[in-house]
C-alpha atoms as a PDB file:
ATOM      1  CA  MET A   1      -8.565   8.634  -8.947  1.00  0.00           C
ATOM      2  CA  ILE A   2      -4.823   8.483  -8.409  1.00  0.00           C
ATOM      3  CA  LYS A   3      -2.801   7.177 -11.339  1.00  0.00           C
ATOM      4  CA  GLY A   4       0.370   5.363 -10.354  1.00  0.00           C
ATOM      5  CA  SER A   5       2.804   3.819 -12.770  1.00  0.00           C
ATOM      6  CA  THR A   6       1.378   0.303 -12.439  1.00  0.00           C
ATOM      7  CA  ARG A   7      -1.971   0.736 -10.656  1.00  0.00           C
ATOM      8  CA  TRP A   8      -4.889   3.088 -10.511  1.00  0.00           C
ATOM      9  CA  VAL A   9      -6.376   3.842  -7.120  1.00  0.00           C
ATOM     10  CA  PHE A  10      -9.994   4.827  -6.696  1.00  0.00           C
ATOM     11  CA  ILE A  11     -10.806   6.399  -3.344  1.00  0.00           C
ATOM     12  CA  GLY A  12     -14.256   5.905  -1.907  1.00  0.00           C
ATOM     13  CA  ARG A  13     -15.664   7.212   1.342  1.00  0.00           C
ATOM     14  CA  LYS A  14     -14.604   4.188   3.404  1.00  0.00           C
ATOM     15  CA  ARG A  15     -12.562   2.022   1.032  1.00  0.00           C
ATOM     16  CA  VAL A  16      -9.730   2.278  -1.469  1.00  0.00           C
ATOM     17  CA  TYR A  17      -9.833   0.218  -4.682  1.00  0.00           C
ATOM     18  CA  LYS A  18      -6.639  -0.657  -6.569  1.00  0.00           C
ATOM     19  CA  ILE A  19      -6.649  -2.025 -10.103  1.00  0.00           C
ATOM     20  CA  PRO A  20      -3.805  -2.593 -12.576  1.00  0.00           C
ATOM     21  CA  SER A  21      -3.215   0.340 -14.910  1.00  0.00           C
ATOM     22  CA  LEU A  22      -3.920   0.081 -18.593  1.00  0.00           C
ATOM     23  CA  TYR A  23      -0.970   2.170 -19.816  1.00  0.00           C
ATOM     24  CA  SER A  24       0.646  -0.873 -21.400  1.00  0.00           C
ATOM     25  CA  TRP A  25       0.683  -4.640 -21.165  1.00  0.00           C
ATOM     26  CA  SER A  26       3.809  -4.619 -18.973  1.00  0.00           C
ATOM     27  CA  HIS A  27       2.328  -1.992 -16.619  1.00  0.00           C
ATOM     28  CA  PHE A  28      -0.858  -4.040 -16.394  1.00  0.00           C
ATOM     29  CA  LEU A  29       1.050  -7.230 -15.528  1.00  0.00           C
ATOM     30  CA  THR A  30       3.196  -5.405 -12.981  1.00  0.00           C
ATOM     31  CA  GLY A  31       0.018  -3.961 -11.425  1.00  0.00           C
ATOM     32  CA  LEU A  32      -1.458  -7.459 -11.155  1.00  0.00           C
ATOM     33  CA  LEU A  33       1.709  -8.633  -9.408  1.00  0.00           C
ATOM     34  CA  ALA A  34       1.676  -5.640  -7.045  1.00  0.00           C
ATOM     35  CA  ASN A  35      -1.908  -6.443  -6.062  1.00  0.00           C
ATOM     36  CA  LEU A  36      -1.039 -10.100  -5.528  1.00  0.00           C
ATOM     37  CA  GLN A  37       1.953  -9.083  -3.441  1.00  0.00           C
ATOM     38  CA  GLU A  38      -0.245  -6.948  -1.170  1.00  0.00           C
ATOM     39  CA  VAL A  39      -2.640  -9.870  -0.768  1.00  0.00           C
ATOM     40  CA  THR A  40       0.253 -12.162   0.176  1.00  0.00           C
ATOM     41  CA  TRP A  41       1.711  -9.693   2.688  1.00  0.00           C
ATOM     42  CA  SER A  42      -1.739  -9.056   4.113  1.00  0.00           C
ATOM     43  CA  LYS A  43      -2.210 -12.761   4.843  1.00  0.00           C
ATOM     44  CA  MET A  44       0.957 -12.930   6.936  1.00  0.00           C
ATOM     45  CA  VAL A  45       0.393 -13.661  10.593  1.00  0.00           C
ATOM     46  CA  ASP A  46       3.813 -12.399  11.660  1.00  0.00           C
ATOM     47  CA  ASP A  47       3.186  -9.697  14.279  1.00  0.00           C
ATOM     48  CA  GLU A  48       6.066  -7.638  12.900  1.00  0.00           C
ATOM     49  CA  VAL A  49       4.280  -7.345   9.546  1.00  0.00           C
ATOM     50  CA  VAL A  50       0.618  -7.322  10.580  1.00  0.00           C
ATOM     51  CA  ASP A  51       1.018  -4.226  12.748  1.00  0.00           C
ATOM     52  CA  LYS A  52       2.837  -2.341   9.980  1.00  0.00           C
ATOM     53  CA  ILE A  53       0.478  -2.691   7.021  1.00  0.00           C
ATOM     54  CA  CYS A  54      -3.068  -1.780   6.123  1.00  0.00           C
ATOM     55  CA  PRO A  55      -4.600  -5.177   5.412  1.00  0.00           C
ATOM     56  CA  VAL A  56      -6.407  -6.102   2.227  1.00  0.00           C
ATOM     57  CA  SER A  57     -10.082  -6.509   3.097  1.00  0.00           C
ATOM     58  CA  PHE A  58     -11.145  -7.977  -0.263  1.00  0.00           C
ATOM     59  CA  TYR A  59      -9.433  -9.061  -3.454  1.00  0.00           C
ATOM     60  CA  ALA A  60     -10.423 -10.472  -6.804  1.00  0.00           C
ATOM     61  CA  PRO A  61      -8.651 -13.525  -8.205  1.00  0.00           C
ATOM     62  CA  LEU A  62      -5.448 -13.029 -10.213  1.00  0.00           C
ATOM     63  CA  GLY A  63      -4.881  -9.543  -8.779  1.00  0.00           C
ATOM     64  CA  PHE A  64      -7.525  -7.688 -10.789  1.00  0.00           C
ATOM     65  CA  LEU A  65      -8.734  -5.801  -7.701  1.00  0.00           C
ATOM     66  CA  VAL A  66      -7.566  -5.090  -4.155  1.00  0.00           C
ATOM     67  CA  VAL A  67      -9.750  -3.324  -1.596  1.00  0.00           C
ATOM     68  CA  MET A  68      -8.427  -1.726   1.583  1.00  0.00           C
ATOM     69  CA  GLU A  69      -9.797   0.451   4.334  1.00  0.00           C
ATOM     70  CA  LYS A  70      -9.411   4.171   3.625  1.00  0.00           C
ATOM     71  CA  LEU A  71      -7.031   5.698   6.164  1.00  0.00           C
ATOM     72  CA  PRO A  72      -5.652   9.220   6.645  1.00  0.00           C
ATOM     73  CA  ILE A  73      -2.452   9.598   4.627  1.00  0.00           C
ATOM     74  CA  LEU A  74       0.724  10.576   6.460  1.00  0.00           C
ATOM     75  CA  THR A  75       1.708  14.200   5.872  1.00  0.00           C
ATOM     76  CA  ASP A  76       4.990  16.032   6.179  1.00  0.00           C
ATOM     77  CA  MET A  77       3.497  17.652   9.305  1.00  0.00           C
ATOM     78  CA  ASP A  78       3.307  14.157  10.858  1.00  0.00           C
ATOM     79  CA  MET A  79       6.842  13.177   9.894  1.00  0.00           C
ATOM     80  CA  SER A  80       9.632  14.824   7.913  1.00  0.00           C
ATOM     81  CA  ARG A  81      11.038  13.220   4.766  1.00  0.00           C
ATOM     82  CA  GLU A  82      14.243  12.349   6.654  1.00  0.00           C
ATOM     83  CA  GLU A  83      12.305  10.729   9.523  1.00  0.00           C
ATOM     84  CA  LEU A  84      10.238   8.783   7.004  1.00  0.00           C
ATOM     85  CA  GLU A  85      13.355   7.491   5.228  1.00  0.00           C
ATOM     86  CA  LEU A  86      14.821   6.415   8.578  1.00  0.00           C
ATOM     87  CA  LEU A  87      11.541   4.669   9.480  1.00  0.00           C
ATOM     88  CA  VAL A  88      11.584   2.715   6.211  1.00  0.00           C
ATOM     89  CA  GLU A  89      15.255   1.758   6.669  1.00  0.00           C
ATOM     90  CA  THR A  90      14.804   0.535  10.226  1.00  0.00           C
ATOM     91  CA  SER A  91      11.234  -0.632  10.814  1.00  0.00           C
ATOM     92  CA  TYR A  92      10.074  -1.418   7.272  1.00  0.00           C
ATOM     93  CA  SER A  93      13.259  -2.852   5.790  1.00  0.00           C
ATOM     94  CA  THR A  94      11.599  -6.221   5.086  1.00  0.00           C
ATOM     95  CA  ILE A  95       8.404  -4.747   3.597  1.00  0.00           C
ATOM     96  CA  PRO A  96       8.497  -3.470  -0.015  1.00  0.00           C
ATOM     97  CA  VAL A  97       7.355   0.107   0.643  1.00  0.00           C
ATOM     98  CA  GLU A  98       8.728   3.358  -0.786  1.00  0.00           C
ATOM     99  CA  PRO A  99       9.686   6.174   1.597  1.00  0.00           C
ATOM    100  CA  LYS A 100       6.897   8.494   0.404  1.00  0.00           C
ATOM    101  CA  HIS A 101       4.279  10.130   2.592  1.00  0.00           C
ATOM    102  CA  ASN A 102       1.394   8.797   0.506  1.00  0.00           C
ATOM    103  CA  SER A 103       2.703   5.243   0.982  1.00  0.00           C
ATOM    104  CA  PHE A 104       1.799   5.466   4.678  1.00  0.00           C
ATOM    105  CA  GLY A 105      -1.269   6.215   6.743  1.00  0.00           C
ATOM    106  CA  LYS A 106      -2.493   6.209  10.311  1.00  0.00           C
ATOM    107  CA  LYS A 107      -4.555   3.418  11.835  1.00  0.00           C
ATOM    108  CA  SER A 108      -5.479   3.360  15.524  1.00  0.00           C
ATOM    109  CA  GLY A 109      -2.671   5.771  16.354  1.00  0.00           C
ATOM    110  CA  ARG A 110       0.075   3.870  14.559  1.00  0.00           C
ATOM    111  CA  ILE A 111       1.742   4.310  11.189  1.00  0.00           C
ATOM    112  CA  VAL A 112       0.986   1.608   8.612  1.00  0.00           C
ATOM    113  CA  ALA A 113       2.031   1.010   5.010  1.00  0.00           C
ATOM    114  CA  LEU A 114      -0.751   1.633   2.496  1.00  0.00           C
ATOM    115  CA  ASP A 115       1.184   0.871  -0.679  1.00  0.00           C
ATOM    116  CA  TYR A 116       3.456  -2.132  -0.179  1.00  0.00           C
ATOM    117  CA  GLY A 117       3.143  -3.819  -3.553  1.00  0.00           C
ATOM    118  CA  SER A 118       6.233  -3.319  -5.651  1.00  0.00           C
END
């Protein structure tokens, strides 16, 4: 399990499960909103967005759970921190994603956002 500030991520063999954290009421609510935001972004049909995110494959109502495909996380061997920051500034400027390696993964040879719920 990975504990973020607003969500906990459970990593299975083929899927990743995100639930709101239970640190506090405000963290829980923010985690719900982050899950709902990923669901909303995942439903977009805009080619500019669809090709840049790992889609949500299943979600529970109200943001209690988001399920995504498990993908290899981007490493600093794949892209330097500076290159990653430039990528976020230029190609991901409209998507709420942090310039961190574990916010991105690889899918079918392209880089996609894994954590785009703010």
